[in-house]
Amino acid sequence: MEDLLNFKETLNQKGILISFNGSFSNSIIEEIGRAIRTYLQEEKLSGGIISDVFSVYIEQTQNIRNYIELNDMVNTTTGEAVVIIAKKDGYYTISSGNSIKKDDAKELADYLEKLNSLDKKELRIMYKEQLKKPAQPESRSAGLGLIEITRKASEKIQYQFQNQNESFDFFNLFVTVKGGE
């Protein structure tokens, strides 16, 4: 990349605060998380806003990492992902993208639509019910990540699937959190 000034200006115009592209590891997730928390604290935002943005970031990146590991995609190009945090008009958008098996896309889309159809009270009930369920042996989580993301979101979560190749789609998730002005 030869024109970093132009790239920097493009990031600024789009309100992009932090972006990462590549393979996620626990240490990378933690380092970026610290940078996010520090940035938001320096902006003198309330603890609730910092917590919401940070929580959504952590849930998104852990979901990606867990999916990649469970599907043996580590150290492959399909195991790489992107995460971007941007600020515009008092809102933070936490965007992520990763490869997902085409066979998994419909089930994920249906689940996201279900989550988007629920209000905050229904999401809280669903979250509590999920906490009581026994963990699935093949899963690395309690299944709370997308519920928690939806609970923290200020708007309906947005998503899309882009055709990547015959086996994979690229899953994009966009979550907006109300920030300070």
Protein backbone atom coordinates (compact mmCIF):
# COMPACT_ATOMS: atom_id res chain seq x y z
CA MET A 1 0.00 0.00 0.00
CA GLU A 2 1.62 3.18 -1.16
CA ASP A 3 -0.91 5.85 -0.26
CA LEU A 4 -1.35 5.63 3.50
CA LEU A 5 -2.42 9.25 3.81
CA ASN A 6 -5.38 8.62 1.48
CA PHE A 7 -6.19 5.42 3.39
CA LYS A 8 -6.07 7.32 6.72
CA GLU A 9 -8.34 10.05 5.35
CA THR A 10 -10.82 7.44 4.10
CA LEU A 11 -10.90 5.85 7.56
CA ASN A 12 -11.48 9.25 9.17
CA GLN A 13 -14.28 10.12 6.72
CA LYS A 14 -16.05 6.88 7.55
CA GLY A 15 -15.57 7.39 11.29
CA ILE A 16 -13.50 4.24 11.66
CA LEU A 17 -11.76 4.17 15.01
CA ILE A 18 -10.29 0.66 14.98
CA SER A 19 -10.03 -2.01 12.33
CA PHE A 20 -8.39 -5.41 12.23
CA ASN A 21 -8.07 -7.90 9.40
CA GLY A 22 -6.50 -11.32 9.82
CA SER A 23 -6.54 -14.33 12.12
CA PHE A 24 -8.02 -13.95 15.58
CA SER A 25 -6.29 -15.36 18.61
CA ASN A 26 -7.10 -14.79 22.27
CA SER A 27 -4.17 -12.40 22.59
CA ILE A 28 -5.25 -10.32 19.57
CA ILE A 29 -8.84 -10.16 20.84
CA GLU A 30 -7.55 -9.02 24.25
CA GLU A 31 -5.15 -6.41 22.83
CA ILE A 32 -7.75 -4.87 20.56
CA GLY A 33 -10.22 -4.98 23.45
CA ARG A 34 -7.79 -3.01 25.64
CA ALA A 35 -7.32 -0.46 22.86
CA ILE A 36 -11.09 -0.07 22.49
CA ARG A 37 -11.62 0.34 26.22
CA THR A 38 -8.79 2.90 26.48
CA TYR A 39 -10.11 4.89 23.53
CA LEU A 40 -13.65 4.98 24.92
CA GLN A 41 -12.44 5.95 28.39
CA GLU A 42 -10.43 8.81 26.90
CA GLU A 43 -13.62 9.97 25.19
CA LYS A 44 -15.09 10.34 28.71
CA LEU A 45 -18.06 8.12 27.90
CA SER A 46 -20.26 6.65 30.59
CA GLY A 47 -19.42 3.21 31.92
CA GLY A 48 -22.59 1.81 30.36
CA ILE A 49 -21.64 2.90 26.85
CA ILE A 50 -18.09 1.60 27.26
CA SER A 51 -19.46 -1.69 28.57
CA ASP A 52 -21.94 -2.08 25.72
CA VAL A 53 -19.43 -1.38 22.93
CA PHE A 54 -16.79 -3.57 24.57
CA SER A 55 -19.26 -6.39 25.23
CA VAL A 56 -20.50 -6.43 21.62
CA TYR A 57 -16.91 -6.44 20.35
CA ILE A 58 -15.94 -9.34 22.66
CA GLU A 59 -19.02 -11.40 21.77
CA GLN A 60 -18.52 -10.89 18.03
CA THR A 61 -14.83 -11.78 18.06
CA GLN A 62 -15.29 -14.78 20.35
CA ASN A 63 -18.11 -16.06 18.13
CA ILE A 64 -15.80 -15.78 15.14
CA ARG A 65 -12.88 -17.45 16.89
CA ASN A 66 -15.07 -20.29 18.19
CA TYR A 67 -16.64 -20.88 14.76
CA ILE A 68 -13.24 -20.96 13.08
CA GLU A 69 -11.83 -23.39 15.64
CA LEU A 70 -14.89 -25.68 15.63
CA ASN A 71 -14.79 -25.90 11.85
CA ASP A 72 -11.05 -26.55 11.53
CA MET A 73 -10.44 -23.28 9.71
CA VAL A 74 -7.48 -22.11 11.82
CA ASN A 75 -4.46 -21.01 9.75
CA THR A 76 -6.46 -20.91 6.52
CA THR A 77 -7.70 -17.97 4.47
CA THR A 78 -11.27 -18.89 5.45
CA GLY A 79 -10.12 -18.60 9.06
CA GLU A 80 -9.37 -14.91 8.70
CA ALA A 81 -11.83 -12.26 9.74
CA VAL A 82 -12.34 -8.53 9.95
CA VAL A 83 -13.66 -6.33 12.73
CA ILE A 84 -14.26 -2.58 12.53
CA ILE A 85 -15.50 -0.11 15.10
CA ALA A 86 -16.78 3.20 13.78
CA LYS A 87 -18.48 6.22 15.31
CA LYS A 88 -21.03 8.39 13.57
CA ASP A 89 -23.66 10.79 14.89
CA GLY A 90 -23.33 9.61 18.50
CA TYR A 91 -23.58 5.91 17.66
CA TYR A 92 -20.92 3.20 17.54
CA THR A 93 -21.13 0.47 14.94
CA ILE A 94 -19.25 -2.73 15.61
CA SER A 95 -18.94 -4.63 12.33
CA SER A 96 -17.44 -8.04 11.81
CA GLY A 97 -17.04 -10.40 8.92
CA ASN A 98 -15.92 -13.99 8.61
CA SER A 99 -16.27 -16.99 6.37
CA ILE A 100 -19.13 -19.34 7.18
CA LYS A 101 -20.04 -22.65 5.59
CA LYS A 102 -22.92 -22.22 3.17
CA ASP A 103 -24.75 -25.02 5.00
CA ASP A 104 -24.77 -22.90 8.18
CA ALA A 105 -26.01 -19.64 6.63
CA LYS A 106 -29.78 -20.32 6.56
CA GLU A 107 -29.92 -21.49 10.18
CA LEU A 108 -27.92 -18.45 11.29
CA ALA A 109 -30.13 -16.07 9.28
CA ASP A 110 -33.28 -17.62 10.77
CA TYR A 111 -31.86 -17.25 14.29
CA LEU A 112 -30.89 -13.62 13.70
CA GLU A 113 -34.37 -12.88 12.37
CA LYS A 114 -35.87 -14.47 15.48
CA LEU A 115 -33.63 -12.35 17.73
CA ASN A 116 -34.51 -9.20 15.79
CA SER A 117 -38.22 -9.92 16.24
CA LEU A 118 -37.96 -9.89 20.04
CA ASP A 119 -38.22 -6.84 22.28
CA LYS A 120 -35.81 -6.18 25.18
CA LYS A 121 -38.01 -7.99 27.71
CA GLU A 122 -38.34 -11.07 25.49
CA LEU A 123 -34.58 -11.06 24.90
CA ARG A 124 -33.95 -10.94 28.66
CA ILE A 125 -36.27 -13.93 29.15
CA MET A 126 -34.57 -15.83 26.33
CA TYR A 127 -31.16 -15.05 27.85
CA LYS A 128 -32.23 -16.38 31.26
CA GLU A 129 -33.70 -19.53 29.70
CA GLN A 130 -30.50 -20.13 27.74
CA LEU A 131 -28.47 -19.82 30.95
CA LYS A 132 -30.45 -22.70 32.46
CA LYS A 133 -29.86 -25.05 29.50
CA PRO A 134 -27.03 -27.56 29.69
CA ALA A 135 -24.08 -26.73 27.45
CA GLN A 136 -23.94 -28.57 24.15
CA PRO A 137 -20.93 -30.92 24.12
CA GLU A 138 -19.91 -29.89 20.59
CA SER A 139 -20.18 -26.19 21.41
CA ARG A 140 -17.58 -23.97 23.05
CA SER A 141 -20.11 -21.56 24.50
CA ALA A 142 -23.39 -21.35 26.35
CA GLY A 143 -25.12 -19.96 23.24
CA LEU A 144 -25.53 -16.52 24.77
CA GLY A 145 -23.36 -14.44 22.41
CA LEU A 146 -25.87 -13.39 19.78
CA ILE A 147 -28.59 -12.94 22.40
CA GLU A 148 -26.28 -10.64 24.38
CA ILE A 149 -25.29 -8.73 21.23
CA THR A 150 -28.95 -8.17 20.37
CA ARG A 151 -29.70 -7.05 23.93
CA LYS A 152 -26.92 -4.42 23.79
CA ALA A 153 -27.85 -3.15 20.33
CA SER A 154 -29.67 0.18 20.02
CA GLU A 155 -31.20 -0.88 16.72
CA LYS A 156 -32.05 -4.16 15.03
CA ILE A 157 -28.86 -5.98 14.15
CA GLN A 158 -28.06 -5.97 10.47
CA TYR A 159 -26.37 -8.79 8.60
CA GLN A 160 -25.67 -10.08 5.15
CA PHE A 161 -24.09 -13.05 3.46
CA GLN A 162 -21.82 -12.56 0.46
CA ASN A 163 -20.95 -15.42 -1.85
CA GLN A 164 -17.30 -16.25 -1.30
CA ASN A 165 -16.94 -19.53 -3.23
CA GLU A 166 -18.81 -22.81 -3.71
CA SER A 167 -18.36 -23.81 -0.04
CA PHE A 168 -18.36 -20.56 1.90
CA ASP A 169 -20.24 -17.31 2.27
CA PHE A 170 -18.79 -14.26 3.97
CA PHE A 171 -20.99 -13.36 6.93
CA ASN A 172 -21.19 -9.65 7.80
CA LEU A 173 -22.68 -8.55 11.12
CA PHE A 174 -23.36 -4.88 11.93
CA VAL A 175 -24.35 -3.89 15.47
CA THR A 176 -25.16 -0.30 16.46
CA VAL A 177 -24.80 0.90 20.03
CA LYS A 178 -25.93 4.31 21.27
CA GLY A 179 -22.95 6.37 22.34
CA GLY A 180 -22.35 9.81 23.67
CA GLU A 181 -22.76 12.90 21.55
